[in-house]
Amino acid sequence: MADFQIFGKYPTNDVVVNDPGLVRYINLDARMVLHTHGRHVKKHMGKANVNIVERLINNMMRTEKYTGKKMSAYNVVKEAFEIIEKRTKQNPLQVLVNAIINSAPREEVTRLKMAGIAVPKAVDVAPSRRVDIALRNIAIGAVNSTFRNTKSAAECLADEIIKASKNDVSSYAVSKKEEVERVAASAR
C-alpha cells in the first residue's frame, strides 16, 4: 500500500500530539481523498476516525460563505497549509495540531437547577468536545477576520492557525478558550 500524504505534500508520520488526552481524538491517518461522505455518522465516536484536516474542512463549510461547498473549503484549507509552510518552515499538520491543543478549553460552565434556581457549575470538557470546540473556533475566527479585510480566506485561516499554535491571545480561538476557562474558574 502506498504511503499517502495530506494534499500530496505533508507527511503525517512525524507529527506529534503533545496532549495525552487528545491523542485518540486527533486522527492523522493520511488518505488519498479527504472526503468520507459521512460514513462515520451512525457509529459511536465515529468523528474520531475522520482525519483532522477533513474535520477542519467540514468546519469551514459550516460558516456562511462556504456552506455546503466542500471543494471551495478544501481549496481554502489547502492554500492555507501552503501559506503556513512558507511562513513557519514547519509541517502545517504539526502547526494545526499545536493550534488545536492550545485552543481547546479544559473546562467550561454548565447550569444546574437547585431548588428552582439555576446555578453555574464548572465541569471538565470531554476530549472529543475539546477538539470540536477548537476546530469550530479556528474556522469561525478565520471567517470573521475576512470581513472588511483585503486578505483572502486562506490567508486569514493561516493567520488564525499560526496565532493559535503560538498560543497568541489575539487569536479568536485562544481568546474564546481563555474566556470560557475564566468563566468556569469563577463558577468553581
Foldseek 3Di string as FASTA:
>chain_A
DDQAAAVRPFHQPPADQPDVQQPQQADQRHDPDQPPPCPQVPPDSSNSVHHLLSLLLVLLCVDDPNPVPSVVSVVLQVLLQVVLCVPVVDRSVNLQSLLLVQLFAQKAWDWDQDPNDTAIAIDGDRNNVSSVLSSNQLSVQLVVVVPPDPDDSSNSSSVLSNCSSVLHCVRRSSVVNVVRVVVNVVRD
